[in-house]
PDB file of N, CA and C in Angstrom:
ATOM      1  N   MET A   1      -5.213 -12.078 -27.947  1.00  0.00           N
ATOM      2  CA  MET A   1      -5.605 -11.595 -26.563  1.00  0.00           C
ATOM      3  C   MET A   1      -6.599 -10.575 -26.408  1.00  0.00           C
ATOM      4  N   PRO A   2      -7.443 -10.570 -26.286  1.00  0.00           N
ATOM      5  CA  PRO A   2      -8.449  -9.496 -26.156  1.00  0.00           C
ATOM      6  C   PRO A   2      -8.574  -8.635 -25.124  1.00  0.00           C
ATOM      7  N   HIS A   3      -8.880  -7.370 -24.759  1.00  0.00           N
ATOM      8  CA  HIS A   3      -8.415  -6.786 -23.549  1.00  0.00           C
ATOM      9  C   HIS A   3      -9.985  -6.348 -23.112  1.00  0.00           C
ATOM     10  N   THR A   4     -10.436  -7.148 -21.863  1.00  0.00           N
ATOM     11  CA  THR A   4     -11.460  -7.220 -20.933  1.00  0.00           C
ATOM     12  C   THR A   4     -11.489  -5.785 -20.233  1.00  0.00           C
ATOM     13  N   MET A   5     -12.329  -5.264 -20.097  1.00  0.00           N
ATOM     14  CA  MET A   5     -12.279  -4.125 -18.797  1.00  0.00           C
ATOM     15  C   MET A   5     -11.559  -4.705 -17.511  1.00  0.00           C
ATOM     16  N   PRO A   6     -11.367  -4.067 -16.282  1.00  0.00           N
ATOM     17  CA  PRO A   6     -11.261  -4.551 -15.148  1.00  0.00           C
ATOM     18  C   PRO A   6     -12.564  -4.666 -14.236  1.00  0.00           C
ATOM     19  N   SER A   7     -12.615  -5.551 -13.635  1.00  0.00           N
ATOM     20  CA  SER A   7     -13.793  -5.379 -12.842  1.00  0.00           C
ATOM     21  C   SER A   7     -13.723  -4.052 -11.628  1.00  0.00           C
ATOM     22  N   LYS A   8     -15.085  -4.191 -10.991  1.00  0.00           N
ATOM     23  CA  LYS A   8     -15.118  -2.860  -9.961  1.00  0.00           C
ATOM     24  C   LYS A   8     -14.595  -3.521  -8.821  1.00  0.00           C
ATOM     25  N   ASP A   9     -14.005  -4.827  -8.755  1.00  0.00           N
ATOM     26  CA  ASP A   9     -12.970  -4.579  -7.288  1.00  0.00           C
ATOM     27  C   ASP A   9     -12.015  -4.670  -7.797  1.00  0.00           C
ATOM     28  N   MET A  10     -11.529  -4.767  -8.860  1.00  0.00           N
ATOM     29  CA  MET A  10      -9.583  -4.552  -9.307  1.00  0.00           C
ATOM     30  C   MET A  10     -10.052  -3.128  -9.654  1.00  0.00           C
ATOM     31  N   LEU A  11     -10.931  -2.511  -9.937  1.00  0.00           N
ATOM     32  CA  LEU A  11     -10.913  -0.731  -9.963  1.00  0.00           C
ATOM     33  C   LEU A  11     -11.332   0.366  -8.758  1.00  0.00           C
ATOM     34  N   ASP A  12     -11.647  -0.560  -8.202  1.00  0.00           N
ATOM     35  CA  ASP A  12     -11.474   0.052  -5.895  1.00  0.00           C
ATOM     36  C   ASP A  12     -10.156  -0.217  -5.513  1.00  0.00           C
ATOM     37  N   CYS A  13      -9.705  -1.429  -6.203  1.00  0.00           N
ATOM     38  CA  CYS A  13      -8.106  -1.959  -5.354  1.00  0.00           C
ATOM     39  C   CYS A  13      -7.130  -0.957  -5.850  1.00  0.00           C
ATOM     40  N   MET A  14      -7.271  -0.800  -7.477  1.00  0.00           N
ATOM     41  CA  MET A  14      -6.266  -0.076  -7.903  1.00  0.00           C
ATOM     42  C   MET A  14      -6.223   1.626  -7.187  1.00  0.00           C
ATOM     43  N   LYS A  15      -7.666   1.835  -7.132  1.00  0.00           N
ATOM     44  CA  LYS A  15      -8.056   2.968  -6.372  1.00  0.00           C
ATOM     45  C   LYS A  15      -7.197   2.971  -4.821  1.00  0.00           C
ATOM     46  N   VAL A  16      -7.578   1.705  -4.048  1.00  0.00           N
ATOM     47  CA  VAL A  16      -6.891   2.469  -3.018  1.00  0.00           C
ATOM     48  C   VAL A  16      -5.352   1.794  -2.653  1.00  0.00           C
ATOM     49  N   CYS A  17      -4.866   1.704  -3.763  1.00  0.00           N
ATOM     50  CA  CYS A  17      -3.249   1.472  -4.127  1.00  0.00           C
ATOM     51  C   CYS A  17      -3.022   2.577  -4.532  1.00  0.00           C
ATOM     52  N   GLY A  18      -3.416   3.506  -4.979  1.00  0.00           N
ATOM     53  CA  GLY A  18      -3.070   4.860  -5.747  1.00  0.00           C
ATOM     54  C   GLY A  18      -3.126   5.575  -4.256  1.00  0.00           C
ATOM     55  N   GLU A  19      -4.503   5.905  -3.519  1.00  0.00           N
ATOM     56  CA  GLU A  19      -4.271   6.620  -2.136  1.00  0.00           C
ATOM     57  C   GLU A  19      -3.224   5.631  -1.150  1.00  0.00           C
ATOM     58  N   CYS A  20      -2.673   4.780  -1.282  1.00  0.00           N
ATOM     59  CA  CYS A  20      -2.414   4.377   0.102  1.00  0.00           C
ATOM     60  C   CYS A  20      -0.420   4.481  -0.641  1.00  0.00           C
ATOM     61  N   ALA A  21      -0.278   4.731  -2.277  1.00  0.00           N
ATOM     62  CA  ALA A  21       1.226   5.141  -2.448  1.00  0.00           C
ATOM     63  C   ALA A  21       1.331   6.334  -1.707  1.00  0.00           C
ATOM     64  N   ALA A  22       0.416   7.695  -2.266  1.00  0.00           N
ATOM     65  CA  ALA A  22       0.101   8.929  -2.071  1.00  0.00           C
ATOM     66  C   ALA A  22       0.300   9.213  -0.478  1.00  0.00           C
ATOM     67  N   LEU A  23       0.026   9.081   0.565  1.00  0.00           N
ATOM     68  CA  LEU A  23      -0.297   8.569   1.839  1.00  0.00           C
ATOM     69  C   LEU A  23       0.979   8.371   2.144  1.00  0.00           C
ATOM     70  N   CYS A  24       1.617   7.255   1.136  1.00  0.00           N
ATOM     71  CA  CYS A  24       2.906   6.376   2.546  1.00  0.00           C
ATOM     72  C   CYS A  24       3.916   7.365   2.612  1.00  0.00           C
ATOM     73  N   ASN A  25       4.045   7.680   0.891  1.00  0.00           N
ATOM     74  CA  ASN A  25       5.208   9.073   0.504  1.00  0.00           C
ATOM     75  C   ASN A  25       4.840  10.345   1.458  1.00  0.00           C
ATOM     76  N   GLN A  26       3.700  10.619   1.768  1.00  0.00           N
ATOM     77  CA  GLN A  26       3.401  11.557   2.570  1.00  0.00           C
ATOM     78  C   GLN A  26       3.684  11.470   4.237  1.00  0.00           C
ATOM     79  N   CYS A  27       3.215  10.466   4.500  1.00  0.00           N
ATOM     80  CA  CYS A  27       3.419  10.223   5.827  1.00  0.00           C
ATOM     81  C   CYS A  27       5.249  10.158   5.875  1.00  0.00           C
ATOM     82  N   SER A  28       5.778   9.458   5.370  1.00  0.00           N
ATOM     83  CA  SER A  28       6.673   9.336   5.162  1.00  0.00           C
ATOM     84  C   SER A  28       8.093  10.662   5.302  1.00  0.00           C
ATOM     85  N   HIS A  29       7.175  11.744   4.343  1.00  0.00           N
ATOM     86  CA  HIS A  29       7.863  13.195   4.362  1.00  0.00           C
ATOM     87  C   HIS A  29       7.560  14.100   5.835  1.00  0.00           C
ATOM     88  N   HIS A  30       6.408  13.677   6.422  1.00  0.00           N
ATOM     89  CA  HIS A  30       5.792  14.215   7.650  1.00  0.00           C
ATOM     90  C   HIS A  30       7.242  12.987   9.230  1.00  0.00           C
ATOM     91  N   CYS A  31       7.255  11.878   8.664  1.00  0.00           N
ATOM     92  CA  CYS A  31       7.729  11.197   9.582  1.00  0.00           C
ATOM     93  C   CYS A  31       8.874  11.790   9.447  1.00  0.00           C
ATOM     94  N   LEU A  32       9.943  11.941   8.464  1.00  0.00           N
ATOM     95  CA  LEU A  32      11.603  12.287   8.366  1.00  0.00           C
ATOM     96  C   LEU A  32      11.781  13.880   9.751  1.00  0.00           C
ATOM     97  N   HIS A  33      10.170  14.365   9.114  1.00  0.00           N
ATOM     98  CA  HIS A  33      10.202  16.071  10.271  1.00  0.00           C
ATOM     99  C   HIS A  33      10.623  15.556  11.596  1.00  0.00           C
ATOM    100  N   MET A  34       9.287  14.690  12.226  1.00  0.00           N
ATOM    101  CA  MET A  34       9.132  14.364  13.485  1.00  0.00           C
ATOM    102  C   MET A  34      10.735  13.278  13.767  1.00  0.00           C
ATOM    103  N   GLY A  35      11.964  12.736  13.067  1.00  0.00           N
ATOM    104  CA  GLY A  35      12.899  12.641  13.508  1.00  0.00           C
ATOM    105  C   GLY A  35      12.954  11.647  14.127  1.00  0.00           C
ATOM    106  N   GLY A  36      14.047  11.176  15.437  1.00  0.00           N
ATOM    107  CA  GLY A  36      13.821  10.018  15.548  1.00  0.00           C
ATOM    108  C   GLY A  36      13.638   8.696  14.977  1.00  0.00           C
ATOM    109  N   GLU A  37      12.530   8.286  15.860  1.00  0.00           N
ATOM    110  CA  GLU A  37      12.482   6.425  15.174  1.00  0.00           C
ATOM    111  C   GLU A  37      11.880   6.617  13.997  1.00  0.00           C
ATOM    112  N   HIS A  38      10.455   7.407  13.829  1.00  0.00           N
ATOM    113  CA  HIS A  38       9.702   7.909  12.764  1.00  0.00           C
ATOM    114  C   HIS A  38      11.100   8.601  11.686  1.00  0.00           C
ATOM    115  N   ALA A  39      12.213   8.462  11.644  1.00  0.00           N
ATOM    116  CA  ALA A  39      12.734   9.296  10.703  1.00  0.00           C
ATOM    117  C   ALA A  39      13.908   8.503  10.259  1.00  0.00           C
ATOM    118  N   GLY A  40      14.326   6.860  11.026  1.00  0.00           N
ATOM    119  CA  GLY A  40      15.001   5.972  11.194  1.00  0.00           C
ATOM    120  C   GLY A  40      14.771   4.809   9.160  1.00  0.00           C
ATOM    121  N   PRO A  41      16.032   3.715   8.674  1.00  0.00           N
ATOM    122  CA  PRO A  41      15.678   4.127   8.205  1.00  0.00           C
ATOM    123  C   PRO A  41      15.096   2.721   8.511  1.00  0.00           C
ATOM    124  N   GLU A  42      14.905   2.020   8.687  1.00  0.00           N
ATOM    125  CA  GLU A  42      14.188   0.753   8.884  1.00  0.00           C
ATOM    126  C   GLU A  42      12.455   0.968   8.429  1.00  0.00           C
ATOM    127  N   HIS A  43      12.132   2.141   9.681  1.00  0.00           N
ATOM    128  CA  HIS A  43      10.456   2.903   9.490  1.00  0.00           C
ATOM    129  C   HIS A  43      10.175   3.715   8.011  1.00  0.00           C
ATOM    130  N   GLN A  44      11.742   4.598   7.514  1.00  0.00           N
ATOM    131  CA  GLN A  44      11.664   4.597   6.543  1.00  0.00           C
ATOM    132  C   GLN A  44      11.616   3.868   5.093  1.00  0.00           C
ATOM    133  N   GLY A  45      12.082   3.265   5.300  1.00  0.00           N
ATOM    134  CA  GLY A  45      12.260   1.836   4.350  1.00  0.00           C
ATOM    135  C   GLY A  45      11.179   1.329   3.770  1.00  0.00           C
ATOM    136  N   LEU A  46      10.020   0.987   4.592  1.00  0.00           N
ATOM    137  CA  LEU A  46       9.640   0.625   4.708  1.00  0.00           C
ATOM    138  C   LEU A  46       7.975   0.889   4.063  1.00  0.00           C
ATOM    139  N   MET A  47       7.973   2.537   4.894  1.00  0.00           N
ATOM    140  CA  MET A  47       7.391   3.442   4.257  1.00  0.00           C
ATOM    141  C   MET A  47       7.472   3.135   2.408  1.00  0.00           C
ATOM    142  N   ARG A  48       8.650   3.921   1.923  1.00  0.00           N
ATOM    143  CA  ARG A  48       8.902   3.841   0.496  1.00  0.00           C
ATOM    144  C   ARG A  48       8.399   2.327   0.171  1.00  0.00           C
ATOM    145  N   ASP A  49       9.043   1.295   0.416  1.00  0.00           N
ATOM    146  CA  ASP A  49       8.428  -0.239  -0.032  1.00  0.00           C
ATOM    147  C   ASP A  49       7.148  -0.141  -0.221  1.00  0.00           C
ATOM    148  N   CYS A  50       6.280  -0.353   0.643  1.00  0.00           N
ATOM    149  CA  CYS A  50       4.843   0.426   0.210  1.00  0.00           C
ATOM    150  C   CYS A  50       4.083   1.239  -0.482  1.00  0.00           C
ATOM    151  N   ALA A  51       4.552   2.454  -0.392  1.00  0.00           N
ATOM    152  CA  ALA A  51       4.424   3.319  -1.558  1.00  0.00           C
ATOM    153  C   ALA A  51       5.771   2.951  -3.411  1.00  0.00           C
ATOM    154  N   GLU A  52       6.017   2.518  -3.484  1.00  0.00           N
ATOM    155  CA  GLU A  52       6.431   1.934  -4.646  1.00  0.00           C
ATOM    156  C   GLU A  52       5.967   0.514  -5.260  1.00  0.00           C
ATOM    157  N   ILE A  53       5.862  -0.540  -4.179  1.00  0.00           N
ATOM    158  CA  ILE A  53       4.997  -1.476  -4.663  1.00  0.00           C
ATOM    159  C   ILE A  53       3.371  -1.491  -5.282  1.00  0.00           C
ATOM    160  N   CYS A  54       2.900  -0.125  -3.820  1.00  0.00           N
ATOM    161  CA  CYS A  54       1.244   0.340  -4.504  1.00  0.00           C
ATOM    162  C   CYS A  54       1.242   0.845  -5.950  1.00  0.00           C
ATOM    163  N   GLY A  55       2.386   1.691  -5.972  1.00  0.00           N
ATOM    164  CA  GLY A  55       2.260   2.211  -7.342  1.00  0.00           C
ATOM    165  C   GLY A  55       2.493   1.032  -8.461  1.00  0.00           C
ATOM    166  N   LEU A  56       3.223  -0.030  -8.238  1.00  0.00           N
ATOM    167  CA  LEU A  56       3.288  -0.907  -9.380  1.00  0.00           C
ATOM    168  C   LEU A  56       2.429  -1.709  -9.247  1.00  0.00           C
ATOM    169  N   ALA A  57       1.957  -2.454  -7.912  1.00  0.00           N
ATOM    170  CA  ALA A  57       0.715  -3.252  -8.584  1.00  0.00           C
ATOM    171  C   ALA A  57      -0.047  -2.589  -9.116  1.00  0.00           C
ATOM    172  N   ALA A  58      -0.785  -0.982  -8.875  1.00  0.00           N
ATOM    173  CA  ALA A  58      -1.445  -0.391  -9.333  1.00  0.00           C
ATOM    174  C   ALA A  58      -1.581  -0.456 -11.313  1.00  0.00           C
ATOM    175  N   CYS A  59       0.003  -0.319 -12.341  1.00  0.00           N
ATOM    176  CA  CYS A  59       0.178  -0.507 -13.028  1.00  0.00           C
ATOM    177  C   CYS A  59      -0.308  -1.790 -13.522  1.00  0.00           C
ATOM    178  N   PHE A  60       0.083  -2.790 -13.011  1.00  0.00           N
ATOM    179  CA  PHE A  60      -0.396  -3.869 -13.096  1.00  0.00           C
ATOM    180  C   PHE A  60      -1.578  -4.367 -13.915  1.00  0.00           C
ATOM    181  N   MET A  61      -2.306  -4.271 -12.296  1.00  0.00           N
ATOM    182  CA  MET A  61      -3.540  -4.139 -12.449  1.00  0.00           C
ATOM    183  C   MET A  61      -4.141  -3.806 -13.554  1.00  0.00           C
ATOM    184  N   GLY A  62      -3.821  -2.302 -13.728  1.00  0.00           N
ATOM    185  CA  GLY A  62      -3.850  -1.460 -15.038  1.00  0.00           C
ATOM    186  C   GLY A  62      -3.755  -2.635 -16.628  1.00  0.00           C
ATOM    187  N   ARG A  63      -2.912  -2.990 -16.532  1.00  0.00           N
ATOM    188  CA  ARG A  63      -3.115  -3.634 -17.540  1.00  0.00           C
ATOM    189  C   ARG A  63      -2.818  -5.090 -18.047  1.00  0.00           C
ATOM    190  N   SER A  64      -3.801  -5.285 -16.897  1.00  0.00           N
ATOM    191  CA  SER A  64      -4.464  -6.857 -17.165  1.00  0.00           C
ATOM    192  C   SER A  64      -3.293  -7.926 -16.673  1.00  0.00           C
ATOM    193  N   SER A  65      -2.154  -7.775 -15.966  1.00  0.00           N
ATOM    194  CA  SER A  65      -0.784  -8.136 -16.062  1.00  0.00           C
ATOM    195  C   SER A  65      -1.167  -9.827 -15.327  1.00  0.00           C
ATOM    196  N   HIS A  66      -1.171 -11.068 -15.862  1.00  0.00           N
ATOM    197  CA  HIS A  66      -1.275 -12.555 -15.244  1.00  0.00           C
ATOM    198  C   HIS A  66      -0.146 -12.416 -14.246  1.00  0.00           C
ATOM    199  N   HIS A  67       0.670 -11.601 -13.670  1.00  0.00           N
ATOM    200  CA  HIS A  67       1.252 -10.803 -12.733  1.00  0.00           C
ATOM    201  C   HIS A  67       0.974 -10.577 -11.442  1.00  0.00           C
ATOM    202  N   SER A  68      -0.314  -9.915 -12.122  1.00  0.00           N
ATOM    203  CA  SER A  68      -1.021  -9.149 -10.584  1.00  0.00           C
ATOM    204  C   SER A  68      -1.463  -9.891  -9.327  1.00  0.00           C
ATOM    205  N   GLY A  69      -1.835 -11.351  -9.259  1.00  0.00           N
ATOM    206  CA  GLY A  69      -1.790 -11.700  -7.972  1.00  0.00           C
ATOM    207  C   GLY A  69      -1.316 -12.599  -7.093  1.00  0.00           C
ATOM    208  N   HIS A  70      -0.372 -12.843  -7.770  1.00  0.00           N
ATOM    209  CA  HIS A  70       0.957 -12.904  -6.696  1.00  0.00           C
ATOM    210  C   HIS A  70       1.669 -11.582  -6.082  1.00  0.00           C
ATOM    211  N   LEU A  71       1.954 -10.304  -6.893  1.00  0.00           N
ATOM    212  CA  LEU A  71       2.329  -9.115  -6.406  1.00  0.00           C
ATOM    213  C   LEU A  71       1.583  -8.298  -5.463  1.00  0.00           C
ATOM    214  N   CYS A  72       0.245  -8.692  -5.858  1.00  0.00           N
ATOM    215  CA  CYS A  72      -0.833  -8.196  -4.873  1.00  0.00           C
ATOM    216  C   CYS A  72      -0.974  -8.834  -3.626  1.00  0.00           C
ATOM    217  N   GLN A  73      -0.646  -9.881  -3.135  1.00  0.00           N
ATOM    218  CA  GLN A  73      -0.120 -10.453  -2.299  1.00  0.00           C
ATOM    219  C   GLN A  73       0.892 -10.581  -1.780  1.00  0.00           C
ATOM    220  N   THR A  74       1.915 -10.535  -1.978  1.00  0.00           N
ATOM    221  CA  THR A  74       3.336  -9.369  -1.704  1.00  0.00           C
ATOM    222  C   THR A  74       3.105  -7.978  -0.826  1.00  0.00           C
ATOM    223  N   LEU A  75       2.320  -7.717  -2.151  1.00  0.00           N
ATOM    224  CA  LEU A  75       1.616  -5.482  -1.167  1.00  0.00           C
ATOM    225  C   LEU A  75       0.885  -5.842   0.085  1.00  0.00           C
ATOM    226  N   ALA A  76      -0.297  -7.014   0.063  1.00  0.00           N
ATOM    227  CA  ALA A  76      -0.657  -7.070   1.200  1.00  0.00           C
ATOM    228  C   ALA A  76       0.308  -7.195   2.710  1.00  0.00           C
ATOM    229  N   GLU A  77       1.550  -8.040   2.038  1.00  0.00           N
ATOM    230  CA  GLU A  77       2.188  -8.144   3.441  1.00  0.00           C
ATOM    231  C   GLU A  77       3.097  -7.413   3.380  1.00  0.00           C
ATOM    232  N   VAL A  78       3.928  -6.499   2.581  1.00  0.00           N
ATOM    233  CA  VAL A  78       4.137  -5.170   2.729  1.00  0.00           C
ATOM    234  C   VAL A  78       3.150  -4.161   2.945  1.00  0.00           C
ATOM    235  N   CYS A  79       1.521  -4.137   2.777  1.00  0.00           N
ATOM    236  CA  CYS A  79       1.150  -2.552   3.735  1.00  0.00           C
ATOM    237  C   CYS A  79       1.067  -3.355   4.958  1.00  0.00           C
ATOM    238  N   ASN A  80       0.723  -4.748   5.282  1.00  0.00           N
ATOM    239  CA  ASN A  80       0.022  -4.699   7.010  1.00  0.00           C
ATOM    240  C   ASN A  80       1.624  -4.384   7.708  1.00  0.00           C
ATOM    241  N   ALA A  81       2.900  -4.907   7.426  1.00  0.00           N
ATOM    242  CA  ALA A  81       3.685  -4.499   7.313  1.00  0.00           C
ATOM    243  C   ALA A  81       3.959  -3.088   7.926  1.00  0.00           C
ATOM    244  N   CYS A  82       3.854  -2.195   7.128  1.00  0.00           N
ATOM    245  CA  CYS A  82       3.676  -0.998   7.173  1.00  0.00           C
ATOM    246  C   CYS A  82       2.398  -0.193   8.211  1.00  0.00           C
ATOM    247  N   ALA A  83       1.672  -0.889   8.205  1.00  0.00           N
ATOM    248  CA  ALA A  83       0.620  -0.436   8.738  1.00  0.00           C
ATOM    249  C   ALA A  83       1.247  -0.700  10.049  1.00  0.00           C
ATOM    250  N   ASP A  84       1.137  -1.657  10.882  1.00  0.00           N
ATOM    251  CA  ASP A  84       2.050  -1.807  11.976  1.00  0.00           C
ATOM    252  C   ASP A  84       2.992  -1.033  12.522  1.00  0.00           C
ATOM    253  N   SER A  85       3.934  -0.602  11.619  1.00  0.00           N
ATOM    254  CA  SER A  85       5.353   0.353  11.918  1.00  0.00           C
ATOM    255  C   SER A  85       4.308   1.517  12.373  1.00  0.00           C
ATOM    256  N   CYS A  86       3.547   2.094  11.540  1.00  0.00           N
ATOM    257  CA  CYS A  86       2.497   3.325  12.132  1.00  0.00           C
ATOM    258  C   CYS A  86       1.942   3.120  12.898  1.00  0.00           C
ATOM    259  N   GLU A  87       1.284   2.441  13.914  1.00  0.00           N
ATOM    260  CA  GLU A  87       0.713   2.215  14.812  1.00  0.00           C
ATOM    261  C   GLU A  87       1.587   2.108  15.399  1.00  0.00           C
ATOM    262  N   ARG A  88       2.775   1.684  15.228  1.00  0.00           N
ATOM    263  CA  ARG A  88       3.541   1.526  16.795  1.00  0.00           C
ATOM    264  C   ARG A  88       4.621   2.650  17.049  1.00  0.00           C
ATOM    265  N   LEU A  89       4.742   3.315  15.859  1.00  0.00           N
ATOM    266  CA  LEU A  89       5.843   5.437  16.738  1.00  0.00           C
ATOM    267  C   LEU A  89       4.444   5.397  16.493  1.00  0.00           C
ATOM    268  N   GLY A  90       2.922   5.658  15.831  1.00  0.00           N
ATOM    269  CA  GLY A  90       1.942   6.925  15.711  1.00  0.00           C
ATOM    270  C   GLY A  90       1.775   7.355  16.960  1.00  0.00           C
ATOM    271  N   LYS A  91       1.577   6.801  17.607  1.00  0.00           N
ATOM    272  CA  LYS A  91       0.973   6.966  19.444  1.00  0.00           C
ATOM    273  C   LYS A  91       0.107   7.923  19.472  1.00  0.00           C
ATOM    274  N   GLY A  92      -1.194   7.542  18.157  1.00  0.00           N
ATOM    275  CA  GLY A  92      -1.897   8.984  18.343  1.00  0.00           C
ATOM    276  C   GLY A  92      -2.076  10.582  17.228  1.00  0.00           C
ATOM    277  N   ASP A  93      -0.608  10.135  16.811  1.00  0.00           N
ATOM    278  CA  ASP A  93      -0.739  10.912  15.487  1.00  0.00           C
ATOM    279  C   ASP A  93      -1.102  10.980  14.341  1.00  0.00           C
ATOM    280  N   GLU A  94      -2.319  11.890  14.226  1.00  0.00           N
ATOM    281  CA  GLU A  94      -3.323  11.825  13.405  1.00  0.00           C
ATOM    282  C   GLU A  94      -2.131  11.302  11.584  1.00  0.00           C
ATOM    283  N   MET A  95      -1.931  11.611  10.899  1.00  0.00           N
ATOM    284  CA  MET A  95      -1.277  11.929   9.989  1.00  0.00           C
ATOM    285  C   MET A  95      -0.506  10.080  10.061  1.00  0.00           C
ATOM    286  N   MET A  96      -0.578   9.282  10.777  1.00  0.00           N
ATOM    287  CA  MET A  96       0.250   8.219  11.158  1.00  0.00           C
ATOM    288  C   MET A  96      -0.609   7.370  11.236  1.00  0.00           C
ATOM    289  N   THR A  97      -2.212   7.510  12.049  1.00  0.00           N
ATOM    290  CA  THR A  97      -2.813   7.245  11.797  1.00  0.00           C
ATOM    291  C   THR A  97      -3.773   6.633  11.003  1.00  0.00           C
ATOM    292  N   ARG A  98      -3.699   7.821   9.936  1.00  0.00           N
ATOM    293  CA  ARG A  98      -4.312   7.604   8.277  1.00  0.00           C
ATOM    294  C   ARG A  98      -3.647   6.830   7.377  1.00  0.00           C
ATOM    295  N   CYS A  99      -2.587   7.154   8.057  1.00  0.00           N
ATOM    296  CA  CYS A  99      -1.677   5.709   7.110  1.00  0.00           C
ATOM    297  C   CYS A  99      -1.599   4.261   7.102  1.00  0.00           C
ATOM    298  N   ALA A 100      -1.592   4.066   8.419  1.00  0.00           N
ATOM    299  CA  ALA A 100      -2.002   2.699   8.682  1.00  0.00           C
ATOM    300  C   ALA A 100      -3.357   2.146   8.362  1.00  0.00           C
ATOM    301  N   LYS A 101      -4.318   3.055   8.820  1.00  0.00           N
ATOM    302  CA  LYS A 101      -5.707   2.880   8.386  1.00  0.00           C
ATOM    303  C   LYS A 101      -5.790   2.665   6.975  1.00  0.00           C
ATOM    304  N   VAL A 102      -5.444   3.571   5.771  1.00  0.00           N
ATOM    305  CA  VAL A 102      -5.073   3.011   4.346  1.00  0.00           C
ATOM    306  C   VAL A 102      -4.669   1.605   3.915  1.00  0.00           C
ATOM    307  N   CYS A 103      -3.237   1.931   4.805  1.00  0.00           N
ATOM    308  CA  CYS A 103      -2.651   0.271   3.948  1.00  0.00           C
ATOM    309  C   CYS A 103      -3.303  -0.407   4.681  1.00  0.00           C
ATOM    310  N   ARG A 104      -3.955  -0.541   5.738  1.00  0.00           N
ATOM    311  CA  ARG A 104      -4.817  -1.910   6.105  1.00  0.00           C
ATOM    312  C   ARG A 104      -6.076  -2.177   4.891  1.00  0.00           C
ATOM    313  N   GLN A 105      -6.366  -0.771   5.082  1.00  0.00           N
ATOM    314  CA  GLN A 105      -8.014  -1.458   3.874  1.00  0.00           C
ATOM    315  C   GLN A 105      -7.090  -1.465   2.197  1.00  0.00           C
ATOM    316  N   CYS A 106      -5.495  -1.362   1.750  1.00  0.00           N
ATOM    317  CA  CYS A 106      -5.247  -1.532   0.643  1.00  0.00           C
ATOM    318  C   CYS A 106      -5.033  -3.021   0.682  1.00  0.00           C
ATOM    319  N   ALA A 107      -3.827  -3.249   2.482  1.00  0.00           N
ATOM    320  CA  ALA A 107      -3.890  -4.712   2.275  1.00  0.00           C
ATOM    321  C   ALA A 107      -4.997  -6.017   1.484  1.00  0.00           C
ATOM    322  N   GLY A 108      -6.628  -5.378   2.796  1.00  0.00           N
ATOM    323  CA  GLY A 108      -7.897  -6.146   2.384  1.00  0.00           C
ATOM    324  C   GLY A 108      -7.783  -6.465   0.713  1.00  0.00           C
ATOM    325  N   ALA A 109      -7.973  -4.882   0.310  1.00  0.00           N
ATOM    326  CA  ALA A 109      -8.483  -5.214  -1.055  1.00  0.00           C
ATOM    327  C   ALA A 109      -7.099  -5.904  -2.171  1.00  0.00           C
ATOM    328  N   CYS A 110      -6.255  -6.003  -1.463  1.00  0.00           N
ATOM    329  CA  CYS A 110      -5.058  -6.630  -2.523  1.00  0.00           C
ATOM    330  C   CYS A 110      -5.400  -8.396  -2.345  1.00  0.00           C
ATOM    331  N   GLU A 111      -5.430  -8.647  -0.964  1.00  0.00           N
ATOM    332  CA  GLU A 111      -5.722  -9.858  -0.564  1.00  0.00           C
ATOM    333  C   GLU A 111      -6.937 -10.485  -1.592  1.00  0.00           C
ATOM    334  N   LYS A 112      -7.806  -9.688  -1.565  1.00  0.00           N
ATOM    335  CA  LYS A 112      -8.829 -10.271  -2.460  1.00  0.00           C
ATOM    336  C   LYS A 112      -8.780 -10.460  -3.706  1.00  0.00           C
ATOM    337  N   MET A 113      -7.682  -9.570  -3.964  1.00  0.00           N
ATOM    338  CA  MET A 113      -7.735  -9.807  -5.951  1.00  0.00           C
ATOM    339  C   MET A 113      -6.624 -11.130  -5.701  1.00  0.00           C
ATOM    340  N   ALA A 114      -5.291 -10.803  -4.582  1.00  0.00           N
ATOM    341  CA  ALA A 114      -4.338 -12.347  -4.995  1.00  0.00           C
ATOM    342  C   ALA A 114      -5.455 -13.459  -5.158  1.00  0.00           C
ATOM    343  N   SER A 115      -6.615 -13.729  -4.124  1.00  0.00           N
ATOM    344  CA  SER A 115      -7.470 -14.617  -3.899  1.00  0.00           C
ATOM    345  C   SER A 115      -8.148 -14.570  -5.403  1.00  0.00           C
ATOM    346  N   ALA A 116      -8.785 -13.941  -6.012  1.00  0.00           N
ATOM    347  CA  ALA A 116      -9.528 -13.639  -7.412  1.00  0.00           C
ATOM    348  C   ALA A 116      -8.411 -14.063  -8.223  1.00  0.00           C
ATOM    349  N   HIS A 117      -7.607 -13.803  -8.431  1.00  0.00           N
ATOM    350  CA  HIS A 117      -6.026 -14.423  -9.557  1.00  0.00           C
ATOM    351  C   HIS A 117      -5.710 -15.971  -9.234  1.00  0.00           C
ATOM    352  N   ALA A 118      -5.901 -17.046  -8.155  1.00  0.00           N
ATOM    353  CA  ALA A 118      -5.253 -17.559  -7.278  1.00  0.00           C
ATOM    354  C   ALA A 118      -5.237 -19.067  -8.382  1.00  0.00           C
TER     355      ALA A 118
END
């Protein structure tokens, strides 16, 4: 099967996935230092899940995997859950607000990719 260049939408999605993965990792570290519920296993696990699935999805899209579509759908669910958690706990914290915003952007881009591959 010949290799085709990724579409602009896919490249944009891969970019936001990378940004989201990096920011979730940074925010996880930030939250550990905040302590309390921010450092709890539920919130920490969700941020790590989000970071990992974002990196994985970018890799899948980069090699035009046939599994990109359903992975992107799952990613959107994880990103939205991570954003919800950051919004709930953040209470105006700049890093957590940024994390939630990027997670929502990533979820939107991945929902678009999932629809394109359905």
